[in-house]
Protein backbone atom coordinates (compact mmCIF):
# COMPACT_ATOMS: atom_id res chain seq x y z
CA MET A 1 219.40 -84.22 121.39
CA GLU A 2 218.31 -82.56 118.17
CA SER A 3 219.62 -79.08 117.53
CA SER A 4 216.04 -77.88 116.88
CA ALA A 5 215.06 -78.95 120.40
CA ILE A 6 217.95 -76.97 121.84
CA LEU A 7 216.87 -73.90 119.87
CA TYR A 8 213.28 -74.34 121.05
CA LEU A 9 214.41 -74.54 124.67
CA LYS A 10 216.50 -71.39 124.25
CA ASP A 11 213.53 -69.64 122.65
CA MET A 12 211.33 -70.78 125.52
CA LEU A 13 213.82 -69.37 128.02
CA SER A 14 213.83 -66.09 126.10
CA ALA A 15 210.02 -65.90 126.26
CA VAL A 16 210.07 -66.67 129.99
CA ASN A 17 212.57 -63.86 130.52
CA LYS A 18 210.41 -61.43 128.53
CA VAL A 19 207.41 -62.23 130.71
CA LEU A 20 209.38 -61.82 133.92
CA VAL A 21 210.91 -58.51 132.80
CA ALA A 22 207.52 -57.17 131.70
CA ALA A 23 205.99 -58.26 135.00
CA GLU A 24 208.60 -56.42 137.08
CA SER A 25 206.50 -53.26 136.90
CA PHE A 26 203.52 -55.02 138.49
CA GLU A 27 203.36 -55.04 142.26
CA ASN A 28 200.26 -57.19 142.56
CA ILE A 29 197.51 -58.94 140.66
CA ASN A 30 195.44 -55.75 140.34
CA ASP A 31 198.20 -54.09 138.32
CA LEU A 32 197.94 -56.63 135.51
CA ARG A 33 195.16 -54.84 133.64
CA LYS A 34 196.44 -51.32 134.28
CA ASN A 35 199.00 -51.48 131.48
CA SER A 36 197.44 -53.22 128.51
CA LEU A 37 200.63 -53.12 126.46
CA LEU A 38 202.66 -54.98 129.09
CA PHE A 39 199.77 -57.34 129.73
CA ASP A 40 199.61 -58.20 126.03
CA ILE A 41 203.38 -58.75 125.96
CA ILE A 42 203.02 -61.15 128.87
CA ILE A 43 200.11 -63.06 127.35
CA MET A 44 201.78 -63.27 123.94
CA ASN A 45 204.96 -64.67 125.42
CA LEU A 46 202.99 -67.15 127.51
CA VAL A 47 201.44 -68.33 124.24
CA VAL A 48 204.92 -68.53 122.70
CA ILE A 49 206.03 -70.76 125.59
CA ALA A 50 203.06 -73.02 125.01
CA GLU A 51 203.60 -73.09 121.23
CA ILE A 52 207.18 -74.15 121.73
CA ASP A 53 205.91 -76.90 124.01
CA GLN A 54 203.88 -78.22 121.08
CA LYS A 55 206.90 -78.15 118.77
CA LEU A 56 209.15 -80.12 121.11
CA GLY A 57 209.16 -83.80 120.36
CA ASP A 58 208.11 -86.43 122.87
CA ASN A 59 211.71 -87.58 123.14
CA SER A 60 212.84 -84.14 124.34
CA LYS A 61 209.97 -83.97 126.79
CA GLN A 62 210.93 -87.37 128.18
CA VAL A 63 214.56 -86.32 128.57
CA PHE A 64 213.40 -83.25 130.49
CA SER A 65 210.47 -84.85 132.27
CA PHE A 66 211.08 -82.65 135.31
CA ILE A 67 209.33 -79.83 133.41
CA ALA A 68 205.54 -79.81 133.73
CA TRP A 69 204.82 -80.09 129.99
CA GLU A 70 201.18 -81.07 130.48
CA LYS A 71 200.51 -77.99 132.62
CA ILE A 72 202.01 -75.80 129.90
CA LYS A 73 199.70 -77.36 127.33
CA LEU A 74 196.63 -76.97 129.52
CA PHE A 75 197.50 -73.35 130.18
CA LYS A 76 197.81 -72.66 126.46
CA ASP A 77 194.39 -74.20 125.86
CA GLN A 78 192.92 -71.87 128.46
CA ILE A 79 194.56 -68.76 127.02
CA GLN A 80 193.43 -69.55 123.50
CA SER A 81 189.86 -70.44 124.35
CA ASP A 82 189.19 -67.84 127.06
CA TYR A 83 191.36 -64.88 126.09
CA PHE A 84 188.76 -62.26 127.00
CA GLU A 85 187.88 -63.99 130.26
CA LEU A 86 191.33 -64.89 131.54
CA ASP A 87 191.53 -65.62 135.23
CA LEU A 88 194.02 -63.07 136.50
CA LYS A 89 194.69 -65.18 139.58
CA ILE A 90 196.00 -67.96 137.35
CA ILE A 91 198.06 -65.54 135.26
CA TRP A 92 199.55 -64.02 138.42
CA LEU A 93 200.33 -67.46 139.84
CA VAL A 94 202.05 -68.47 136.61
CA ILE A 95 204.11 -65.27 136.58
CA THR A 96 205.10 -65.25 140.24
CA GLU A 97 205.52 -68.95 140.98
CA HIS A 98 205.65 -71.19 137.93
CA LEU A 99 207.78 -69.12 135.55
CA PRO A 100 210.67 -68.55 137.97
CA LEU A 101 210.84 -72.33 138.45
CA LEU A 102 210.63 -72.96 134.71
CA LYS A 103 213.33 -70.35 134.14
CA SER A 104 215.74 -72.04 136.54
CA LYS A 105 215.12 -75.44 134.93
CA LEU A 106 215.58 -74.09 131.41
CA GLU A 107 218.74 -72.24 132.41
CA LYS A 108 220.16 -75.46 133.81
CA ILE A 109 219.34 -77.32 130.60
CA VAL A 110 220.84 -74.61 128.39
CA ASN A 111 223.95 -74.30 130.54
CA ASP A 112 224.44 -78.07 130.61
CA ILE A 113 224.13 -78.25 126.82
CA ASN A 114 226.59 -75.41 126.27
């Protein structure tokens, strides 16, 4: 695997961790808009995750086909086109269910590579 792909995966894991740490202060979906700074940190890092997805080559995505790359791309498209009308239910679902799974998969990849 290319060293750039490894760096991208590590950067993606870092962005996932930033989202999860920022989200720790939120108890439920209604809290998302109460702290605009943390919300912006979360959204920005979700965009970073999606941008890294675009930079990864098809070969890397095939090697790690157990990651839902297409869902990441679709999510990025939604964030970029509907930023001011984001569906908080989707954001909350991503934070509480999808990112913990992505984190565990990325950690496994990074640990296996190291």
